[in-house]
Amino acid sequence: MAGSPEHPSFTLAYVPGVTPDKWVRTWKERSPEVPLDLVQVSAAEAADTVRERTADAVLLRFPADRTGLHAIPLYTETTVVVTPKDHFVTAADEVSTDDLADEIVFHPLDDTLDWEQPPGRPAIERPATTAAAVKLVAAGVGVLVVPQSLARLHHRRDVTYRPVTDVPQSRVALSWLEGETTDLMEQFIGIVRGRTVNSSRGRSPAPAPAKHERSDGKKAAARKSTGGKRQSGSGAPQGGKRGKPRRS
């Protein structure tokens, strides 16, 4: 977690397929004195990681149980179908669920998509993990529909993937405990939202000077421009015509 006040640290959990590298690099550039520890967790245990205080924040996928948690959606992933390289769907740039109607479509136990009804024909037994399902795809047993980042994570030379147009999509979010938005948490939120180092979030604008202060400033400027000379007022006019000298 956040360590001690004398030695603060920040722990970030993340689910497979999510890549926090760019945010971690920014953190190290801005706060090299505060270690950021990364912990990979399964999709099923992601939300409980912060509830149990084993991490300060977690990058997870929706749908997820958000009870007692803040969540900031970050991006939506493309959904793809993973197939053997010689599968007929590889001839198209993208496919629909109708194209998969006659296929065995694996629905692993760690599936992260919010299905009302998975496409295709169900397998006799659900694979335990996405990794196990990809191995079955490589063996030519069936196909798998997953977020694109998981297809990349479990990529093999003997499989490929294509986008699927009419299926649920995975949304990646940053989540942390309600009521525990610490300074370090605010800093990480700023990083993932792209705020700059000099972001004015939370800072009040400087108050405008009072009217009499602005007036004094103008007077000082006027004195400077005239070299400090007293300007003509009720005395004799300057630059007026001189009277003719009297004859003696």
C-alpha atoms as a PDB file:
ATOM      1  CA  MET A   1       0.000   0.000   0.000  1.00  0.00           C
ATOM      2  CA  ALA A   2       1.104   3.597   0.535  1.00  0.00           C
ATOM      3  CA  GLY A   3       3.926   2.733   2.933  1.00  0.00           C
ATOM      4  CA  SER A   4       4.700   4.997   5.868  1.00  0.00           C
ATOM      5  CA  PRO A   5       4.680   8.807   6.007  1.00  0.00           C
ATOM      6  CA  GLU A   6       8.474   8.713   6.147  1.00  0.00           C
ATOM      7  CA  HIS A   7       8.774   6.246   3.246  1.00  0.00           C
ATOM      8  CA  PRO A   8       5.689   6.582   1.000  1.00  0.00           C
ATOM      9  CA  SER A   9       5.027   4.190  -1.871  1.00  0.00           C
ATOM     10  CA  PHE A  10       2.191   3.438  -4.297  1.00  0.00           C
ATOM     11  CA  THR A  11       0.951  -0.016  -5.331  1.00  0.00           C
ATOM     12  CA  LEU A  12      -0.931  -0.426  -8.606  1.00  0.00           C
ATOM     13  CA  ALA A  13      -2.668  -3.690  -9.513  1.00  0.00           C
ATOM     14  CA  TYR A  14      -3.701  -4.476 -13.097  1.00  0.00           C
ATOM     15  CA  VAL A  15      -5.507  -7.244 -14.955  1.00  0.00           C
ATOM     16  CA  PRO A  16      -3.931  -9.268 -17.787  1.00  0.00           C
ATOM     17  CA  GLY A  17      -3.765  -7.457 -21.115  1.00  0.00           C
ATOM     18  CA  VAL A  18      -3.712  -3.967 -19.602  1.00  0.00           C
ATOM     19  CA  THR A  19      -0.359  -2.238 -20.065  1.00  0.00           C
ATOM     20  CA  PRO A  20       0.349   0.540 -17.524  1.00  0.00           C
ATOM     21  CA  ASP A  21       3.948   1.061 -18.705  1.00  0.00           C
ATOM     22  CA  LYS A  22       3.537   4.610 -20.068  1.00  0.00           C
ATOM     23  CA  TRP A  23       1.887   5.788 -16.840  1.00  0.00           C
ATOM     24  CA  VAL A  24       4.570   4.130 -14.730  1.00  0.00           C
ATOM     25  CA  ARG A  25       7.282   5.910 -16.742  1.00  0.00           C
ATOM     26  CA  THR A  26       5.565   9.256 -16.189  1.00  0.00           C
ATOM     27  CA  TRP A  27       5.283   8.535 -12.455  1.00  0.00           C
ATOM     28  CA  LYS A  28       9.004   7.785 -12.220  1.00  0.00           C
ATOM     29  CA  GLU A  29       9.837  11.013 -14.041  1.00  0.00           C
ATOM     30  CA  ARG A  30       7.649  13.135 -11.758  1.00  0.00           C
ATOM     31  CA  SER A  31       8.088  11.361  -8.421  1.00  0.00           C
ATOM     32  CA  PRO A  32      11.329   9.345  -8.471  1.00  0.00           C
ATOM     33  CA  GLU A  33      11.413   9.443  -4.657  1.00  0.00           C
ATOM     34  CA  VAL A  34       8.119   7.459  -4.360  1.00  0.00           C
ATOM     35  CA  PRO A  35       8.361   3.824  -5.552  1.00  0.00           C
ATOM     36  CA  LEU A  36       5.484   2.546  -7.686  1.00  0.00           C
ATOM     37  CA  ASP A  37       4.983  -1.224  -7.318  1.00  0.00           C
ATOM     38  CA  LEU A  38       3.064  -3.210  -9.964  1.00  0.00           C
ATOM     39  CA  VAL A  39       1.008  -6.313  -9.154  1.00  0.00           C
ATOM     40  CA  GLN A  40      -0.784  -8.385 -11.809  1.00  0.00           C
ATOM     41  CA  VAL A  41      -4.106  -9.851 -10.654  1.00  0.00           C
ATOM     42  CA  SER A  42      -6.855 -11.889 -12.284  1.00  0.00           C
ATOM     43  CA  ALA A  43     -10.019 -10.186 -13.496  1.00  0.00           C
ATOM     44  CA  ALA A  44     -12.038 -11.988 -10.813  1.00  0.00           C
ATOM     45  CA  GLU A  45      -9.950 -10.678  -7.913  1.00  0.00           C
ATOM     46  CA  ALA A  46      -9.183  -7.202  -9.273  1.00  0.00           C
ATOM     47  CA  ALA A  47     -11.792  -5.212  -7.321  1.00  0.00           C
ATOM     48  CA  ASP A  48     -11.086  -7.050  -4.062  1.00  0.00           C
ATOM     49  CA  THR A  49      -7.421  -6.105  -4.366  1.00  0.00           C
ATOM     50  CA  VAL A  50      -8.189  -2.528  -3.353  1.00  0.00           C
ATOM     51  CA  ARG A  51     -10.997  -3.483  -0.958  1.00  0.00           C
ATOM     52  CA  GLU A  52      -8.532  -5.656   0.944  1.00  0.00           C
ATOM     53  CA  ARG A  53      -5.945  -2.843   0.788  1.00  0.00           C
ATOM     54  CA  THR A  54      -3.284  -4.910  -0.926  1.00  0.00           C
ATOM     55  CA  ALA A  55      -3.118  -2.198  -3.612  1.00  0.00           C
ATOM     56  CA  ASP A  56      -3.813   1.541  -3.677  1.00  0.00           C
ATOM     57  CA  ALA A  57      -5.506   1.348  -7.080  1.00  0.00           C
ATOM     58  CA  VAL A  58      -6.304  -1.183  -9.790  1.00  0.00           C
ATOM     59  CA  LEU A  59      -6.686  -1.111 -13.557  1.00  0.00           C
ATOM     60  CA  LEU A  60      -9.624  -3.447 -14.188  1.00  0.00           C
ATOM     61  CA  ARG A  61     -12.267  -4.267 -16.780  1.00  0.00           C
ATOM     62  CA  PHE A  62     -15.982  -3.603 -16.658  1.00  0.00           C
ATOM     63  CA  PRO A  63     -18.278  -5.264 -15.854  1.00  0.00           C
ATOM     64  CA  ALA A  64     -17.022  -5.449 -12.262  1.00  0.00           C
ATOM     65  CA  ASP A  65     -18.483  -5.136  -8.788  1.00  0.00           C
ATOM     66  CA  ARG A  66     -17.985  -1.431  -7.979  1.00  0.00           C
ATOM     67  CA  THR A  67     -19.390  -1.527  -4.443  1.00  0.00           C
ATOM     68  CA  GLY A  68     -17.398   0.880  -2.278  1.00  0.00           C
ATOM     69  CA  LEU A  69     -15.153   1.920  -5.171  1.00  0.00           C
ATOM     70  CA  HIS A  70     -14.502   4.969  -7.305  1.00  0.00           C
ATOM     71  CA  ALA A  71     -13.944   4.235 -10.993  1.00  0.00           C
ATOM     72  CA  ILE A  72     -12.740   6.328 -13.923  1.00  0.00           C
ATOM     73  CA  PRO A  73     -13.338   4.737 -17.371  1.00  0.00           C
ATOM     74  CA  LEU A  74     -10.170   5.067 -19.450  1.00  0.00           C
ATOM     75  CA  TYR A  75     -10.802   3.416 -22.818  1.00  0.00           C
ATOM     76  CA  THR A  76     -12.868   0.778 -24.651  1.00  0.00           C
ATOM     77  CA  GLU A  77     -11.214  -2.202 -26.304  1.00  0.00           C
ATOM     78  CA  THR A  78     -11.985  -3.772 -29.657  1.00  0.00           C
ATOM     79  CA  THR A  79     -13.415  -7.293 -29.409  1.00  0.00           C
ATOM     80  CA  VAL A  80     -11.853  -9.902 -31.688  1.00  0.00           C
ATOM     81  CA  VAL A  81     -12.247 -13.573 -32.584  1.00  0.00           C
ATOM     82  CA  VAL A  82      -9.112 -15.707 -32.264  1.00  0.00           C
ATOM     83  CA  THR A  83      -8.897 -18.445 -34.900  1.00  0.00           C
ATOM     84  CA  PRO A  84      -6.338 -20.787 -36.503  1.00  0.00           C
ATOM     85  CA  LYS A  85      -4.383 -19.031 -39.242  1.00  0.00           C
ATOM     86  CA  ASP A  86      -6.061 -21.075 -41.977  1.00  0.00           C
ATOM     87  CA  HIS A  87      -9.623 -20.409 -40.756  1.00  0.00           C
ATOM     88  CA  PHE A  88     -12.078 -19.087 -43.343  1.00  0.00           C
ATOM     89  CA  VAL A  89     -12.828 -15.871 -41.370  1.00  0.00           C
ATOM     90  CA  THR A  90      -9.254 -14.677 -41.925  1.00  0.00           C
ATOM     91  CA  ALA A  91     -10.254 -13.801 -45.492  1.00  0.00           C
ATOM     92  CA  ALA A  92     -12.338 -10.884 -44.126  1.00  0.00           C
ATOM     93  CA  ASP A  93     -11.261  -7.666 -42.414  1.00  0.00           C
ATOM     94  CA  GLU A  94     -13.973  -8.117 -39.762  1.00  0.00           C
ATOM     95  CA  VAL A  95     -16.715 -10.612 -38.942  1.00  0.00           C
ATOM     96  CA  SER A  96     -20.127 -10.746 -37.251  1.00  0.00           C
ATOM     97  CA  THR A  97     -21.680 -13.251 -34.878  1.00  0.00           C
ATOM     98  CA  ASP A  98     -23.592 -14.710 -37.837  1.00  0.00           C
ATOM     99  CA  ASP A  99     -20.246 -15.727 -39.344  1.00  0.00           C
ATOM    100  CA  LEU A 100     -19.533 -17.705 -36.159  1.00  0.00           C
ATOM    101  CA  ALA A 101     -22.959 -19.370 -35.870  1.00  0.00           C
ATOM    102  CA  ASP A 102     -21.675 -22.836 -36.788  1.00  0.00           C
ATOM    103  CA  GLU A 103     -18.401 -22.567 -34.864  1.00  0.00           C
ATOM    104  CA  ILE A 104     -17.593 -23.915 -31.410  1.00  0.00           C
ATOM    105  CA  VAL A 105     -16.904 -20.711 -29.472  1.00  0.00           C
ATOM    106  CA  PHE A 106     -15.041 -21.125 -26.202  1.00  0.00           C
ATOM    107  CA  HIS A 107     -16.308 -19.246 -23.161  1.00  0.00           C
ATOM    108  CA  PRO A 108     -13.514 -19.575 -20.554  1.00  0.00           C
ATOM    109  CA  LEU A 109     -14.209 -19.230 -16.856  1.00  0.00           C
ATOM    110  CA  ASP A 110     -12.139 -16.022 -16.705  1.00  0.00           C
ATOM    111  CA  ASP A 111     -14.040 -14.432 -19.609  1.00  0.00           C
ATOM    112  CA  THR A 112     -14.270 -10.630 -19.235  1.00  0.00           C
ATOM    113  CA  LEU A 113     -17.087  -9.872 -21.722  1.00  0.00           C
ATOM    114  CA  ASP A 114     -20.647  -9.245 -20.530  1.00  0.00           C
ATOM    115  CA  TRP A 115     -22.543 -11.758 -22.651  1.00  0.00           C
ATOM    116  CA  GLU A 116     -26.295 -12.132 -22.731  1.00  0.00           C
ATOM    117  CA  GLN A 117     -25.766 -15.080 -25.043  1.00  0.00           C
ATOM    118  CA  PRO A 118     -22.302 -16.035 -26.392  1.00  0.00           C
ATOM    119  CA  PRO A 119     -22.240 -16.602 -30.164  1.00  0.00           C
ATOM    120  CA  GLY A 120     -21.757 -19.936 -31.905  1.00  0.00           C
ATOM    121  CA  ARG A 121     -22.054 -23.381 -30.365  1.00  0.00           C
ATOM    122  CA  PRO A 122     -20.850 -23.951 -26.787  1.00  0.00           C
ATOM    123  CA  ALA A 123     -17.985 -26.320 -26.057  1.00  0.00           C
ATOM    124  CA  ILE A 124     -18.695 -29.467 -24.028  1.00  0.00           C
ATOM    125  CA  GLU A 125     -16.600 -28.007 -21.199  1.00  0.00           C
ATOM    126  CA  ARG A 126     -15.585 -24.441 -20.485  1.00  0.00           C
ATOM    127  CA  PRO A 127     -11.792 -23.902 -20.443  1.00  0.00           C
ATOM    128  CA  ALA A 128     -10.479 -22.717 -17.075  1.00  0.00           C
ATOM    129  CA  THR A 129      -8.534 -19.779 -18.513  1.00  0.00           C
ATOM    130  CA  THR A 130      -8.175 -17.671 -21.639  1.00  0.00           C
ATOM    131  CA  ALA A 131      -4.667 -19.090 -22.103  1.00  0.00           C
ATOM    132  CA  ALA A 132      -6.063 -22.637 -22.110  1.00  0.00           C
ATOM    133  CA  ALA A 133      -8.739 -21.627 -24.627  1.00  0.00           C
ATOM    134  CA  VAL A 134      -6.120 -20.184 -27.003  1.00  0.00           C
ATOM    135  CA  LYS A 135      -4.292 -23.532 -26.953  1.00  0.00           C
ATOM    136  CA  LEU A 136      -7.518 -25.270 -27.961  1.00  0.00           C
ATOM    137  CA  VAL A 137      -7.969 -22.736 -30.785  1.00  0.00           C
ATOM    138  CA  ALA A 138      -4.445 -23.533 -32.012  1.00  0.00           C
ATOM    139  CA  ALA A 139      -5.381 -27.212 -32.027  1.00  0.00           C
ATOM    140  CA  GLY A 140      -8.310 -26.459 -34.335  1.00  0.00           C
ATOM    141  CA  VAL A 141     -11.015 -27.359 -31.798  1.00  0.00           C
ATOM    142  CA  GLY A 142     -12.887 -24.037 -31.889  1.00  0.00           C
ATOM    143  CA  VAL A 143     -12.562 -20.236 -31.773  1.00  0.00           C
ATOM    144  CA  LEU A 144     -12.426 -17.662 -28.990  1.00  0.00           C
ATOM    145  CA  VAL A 145     -13.919 -14.145 -28.662  1.00  0.00           C
ATOM    146  CA  VAL A 146     -11.930 -11.836 -26.376  1.00  0.00           C
ATOM    147  CA  PRO A 147     -10.758  -8.216 -25.957  1.00  0.00           C
ATOM    148  CA  GLN A 148      -7.965  -7.472 -28.423  1.00  0.00           C
ATOM    149  CA  SER A 149      -5.369  -6.922 -25.686  1.00  0.00           C
ATOM    150  CA  LEU A 150      -5.868 -10.515 -24.487  1.00  0.00           C
ATOM    151  CA  ALA A 151      -5.501 -11.818 -28.025  1.00  0.00           C
ATOM    152  CA  ARG A 152      -2.176  -9.974 -28.212  1.00  0.00           C
ATOM    153  CA  LEU A 153      -1.116 -11.164 -24.763  1.00  0.00           C
ATOM    154  CA  HIS A 154      -1.679 -14.830 -25.679  1.00  0.00           C
ATOM    155  CA  HIS A 155      -0.518 -14.548 -29.287  1.00  0.00           C
ATOM    156  CA  ARG A 156       0.916 -17.628 -30.986  1.00  0.00           C
ATOM    157  CA  ARG A 157       2.406 -18.084 -34.415  1.00  0.00           C
ATOM    158  CA  ASP A 158      -0.319 -20.561 -35.361  1.00  0.00           C
ATOM    159  CA  VAL A 159      -3.311 -18.328 -34.542  1.00  0.00           C
ATOM    160  CA  THR A 160      -4.584 -14.927 -35.643  1.00  0.00           C
ATOM    161  CA  TYR A 161      -7.592 -12.706 -34.945  1.00  0.00           C
ATOM    162  CA  ARG A 162     -10.172 -10.463 -36.609  1.00  0.00           C
ATOM    163  CA  PRO A 163     -12.489  -7.762 -35.159  1.00  0.00           C
ATOM    164  CA  VAL A 164     -16.086  -8.800 -34.377  1.00  0.00           C
ATOM    165  CA  THR A 165     -18.668  -6.082 -34.982  1.00  0.00           C
ATOM    166  CA  ASP A 166     -21.778  -6.983 -32.968  1.00  0.00           C
ATOM    167  CA  VAL A 167     -20.543  -8.234 -29.587  1.00  0.00           C
ATOM    168  CA  PRO A 168     -19.953  -6.682 -26.141  1.00  0.00           C
ATOM    169  CA  GLN A 169     -16.798  -4.619 -25.669  1.00  0.00           C
ATOM    170  CA  SER A 170     -14.495  -4.448 -22.686  1.00  0.00           C
ATOM    171  CA  ARG A 171     -13.993  -1.102 -20.899  1.00  0.00           C
ATOM    172  CA  VAL A 172     -10.817  -0.557 -18.898  1.00  0.00           C
ATOM    173  CA  ALA A 173     -11.071   1.645 -15.804  1.00  0.00           C
ATOM    174  CA  LEU A 174      -8.960   2.934 -12.935  1.00  0.00           C
ATOM    175  CA  SER A 175     -10.542   2.081  -9.575  1.00  0.00           C
ATOM    176  CA  TRP A 176      -9.771   2.809  -5.908  1.00  0.00           C
ATOM    177  CA  LEU A 177     -11.523   2.915  -2.526  1.00  0.00           C
ATOM    178  CA  GLU A 178     -14.211   5.508  -1.893  1.00  0.00           C
ATOM    179  CA  GLY A 179     -13.127   8.070   0.681  1.00  0.00           C
ATOM    180  CA  GLU A 180      -9.429   7.339   0.176  1.00  0.00           C
ATOM    181  CA  THR A 181      -8.391   9.734  -2.565  1.00  0.00           C
ATOM    182  CA  THR A 182      -4.942  10.507  -1.168  1.00  0.00           C
ATOM    183  CA  ASP A 183      -2.427  12.963  -2.627  1.00  0.00           C
ATOM    184  CA  LEU A 184      -0.616  10.045  -4.286  1.00  0.00           C
ATOM    185  CA  MET A 185      -3.912   8.790  -5.704  1.00  0.00           C
ATOM    186  CA  GLU A 186      -4.666  12.262  -7.092  1.00  0.00           C
ATOM    187  CA  GLN A 187      -1.228  12.288  -8.653  1.00  0.00           C
ATOM    188  CA  PHE A 188      -1.830   8.981 -10.437  1.00  0.00           C
ATOM    189  CA  ILE A 189      -5.285  10.094 -11.569  1.00  0.00           C
ATOM    190  CA  GLY A 190      -3.669  13.184 -13.078  1.00  0.00           C
ATOM    191  CA  ILE A 191      -1.158  11.022 -14.939  1.00  0.00           C
ATOM    192  CA  VAL A 192      -3.729   8.685 -16.509  1.00  0.00           C
ATOM    193  CA  ARG A 193      -5.864  11.686 -17.468  1.00  0.00           C
ATOM    194  CA  GLY A 194      -2.926  13.371 -19.155  1.00  0.00           C
ATOM    195  CA  ARG A 195      -2.543  16.342 -16.850  1.00  0.00           C
ATOM    196  CA  THR A 196       0.747  18.196 -17.028  1.00  0.00           C
ATOM    197  CA  VAL A 197       3.136  18.711 -14.139  1.00  0.00           C
ATOM    198  CA  ASN A 198       1.909  22.299 -13.779  1.00  0.00           C
ATOM    199  CA  SER A 199      -1.777  21.423 -13.811  1.00  0.00           C
ATOM    200  CA  SER A 200      -3.834  23.945 -11.823  1.00  0.00           C
ATOM    201  CA  ARG A 201      -6.285  21.301 -10.527  1.00  0.00           C
ATOM    202  CA  GLY A 202      -7.191  22.102  -6.971  1.00  0.00           C
ATOM    203  CA  ARG A 203      -5.398  25.461  -6.965  1.00  0.00           C
ATOM    204  CA  SER A 204      -7.296  28.702  -6.429  1.00  0.00           C
ATOM    205  CA  PRO A 205      -6.508  31.551  -8.819  1.00  0.00           C
ATOM    206  CA  ALA A 206      -4.533  34.418  -7.310  1.00  0.00           C
ATOM    207  CA  PRO A 207      -6.905  37.142  -6.071  1.00  0.00           C
ATOM    208  CA  ALA A 208      -7.034  40.315  -8.139  1.00  0.00           C
ATOM    209  CA  PRO A 209      -5.422  43.345  -6.468  1.00  0.00           C
ATOM    210  CA  ALA A 210      -7.763  45.708  -4.685  1.00  0.00           C
ATOM    211  CA  LYS A 211      -8.826  48.862  -6.507  1.00  0.00           C
ATOM    212  CA  HIS A 212      -6.659  51.157  -4.388  1.00  0.00           C
ATOM    213  CA  GLU A 213      -3.637  48.970  -5.109  1.00  0.00           C
ATOM    214  CA  ARG A 214      -4.202  49.268  -8.838  1.00  0.00           C
ATOM    215  CA  SER A 215      -4.641  53.042  -8.439  1.00  0.00           C
ATOM    216  CA  ASP A 216      -1.346  53.343  -6.537  1.00  0.00           C
ATOM    217  CA  GLY A 217       0.336  51.345  -9.251  1.00  0.00           C
ATOM    218  CA  LYS A 218      -0.911  53.715 -11.911  1.00  0.00           C
ATOM    219  CA  LYS A 219       0.321  56.705  -9.907  1.00  0.00           C
ATOM    220  CA  ALA A 220       3.751  55.155  -9.552  1.00  0.00           C
ATOM    221  CA  ALA A 221       3.870  54.523 -13.287  1.00  0.00           C
ATOM    222  CA  ALA A 222       2.872  58.103 -14.008  1.00  0.00           C
ATOM    223  CA  ARG A 223       5.594  59.488 -11.720  1.00  0.00           C
ATOM    224  CA  LYS A 224       8.165  57.268 -13.419  1.00  0.00           C
ATOM    225  CA  SER A 225       7.138  58.469 -16.894  1.00  0.00           C
ATOM    226  CA  THR A 226       7.500  62.169 -15.916  1.00  0.00           C
ATOM    227  CA  GLY A 227      10.815  61.719 -14.179  1.00  0.00           C
ATOM    228  CA  GLY A 228       9.262  62.555 -10.840  1.00  0.00           C
ATOM    229  CA  LYS A 229       8.447  66.164 -11.879  1.00  0.00           C
ATOM    230  CA  ARG A 230       5.397  67.757 -10.481  1.00  0.00           C
ATOM    231  CA  GLN A 231       2.760  68.171 -13.112  1.00  0.00           C
ATOM    232  CA  SER A 232       1.166  71.558 -13.716  1.00  0.00           C
ATOM    233  CA  GLY A 233      -1.869  72.210 -11.692  1.00  0.00           C
ATOM    234  CA  SER A 234      -3.182  75.437 -10.159  1.00  0.00           C
ATOM    235  CA  GLY A 235       0.156  77.302 -10.634  1.00  0.00           C
ATOM    236  CA  ALA A 236       1.280  79.382 -13.644  1.00  0.00           C
ATOM    237  CA  PRO A 237       0.657  77.658 -16.945  1.00  0.00           C
ATOM    238  CA  GLN A 238       3.668  76.262 -18.688  1.00  0.00           C
ATOM    239  CA  GLY A 239       4.384  76.986 -22.308  1.00  0.00           C
ATOM    240  CA  GLY A 240       2.155  80.145 -22.276  1.00  0.00           C
ATOM    241  CA  LYS A 241       3.046  83.413 -24.107  1.00  0.00           C
ATOM    242  CA  ARG A 242       5.401  85.766 -22.266  1.00  0.00           C
ATOM    243  CA  GLY A 243       4.325  89.360 -21.778  1.00  0.00           C
ATOM    244  CA  LYS A 244       6.184  92.071 -23.754  1.00  0.00           C
ATOM    245  CA  PRO A 245       9.081  93.715 -21.897  1.00  0.00           C
ATOM    246  CA  ARG A 246       8.280  97.195 -20.635  1.00  0.00           C
ATOM    247  CA  ARG A 247      10.261 100.082 -22.161  1.00  0.00           C
ATOM    248  CA  SER A 248      12.431 101.989 -19.795  1.00  0.00           C
END
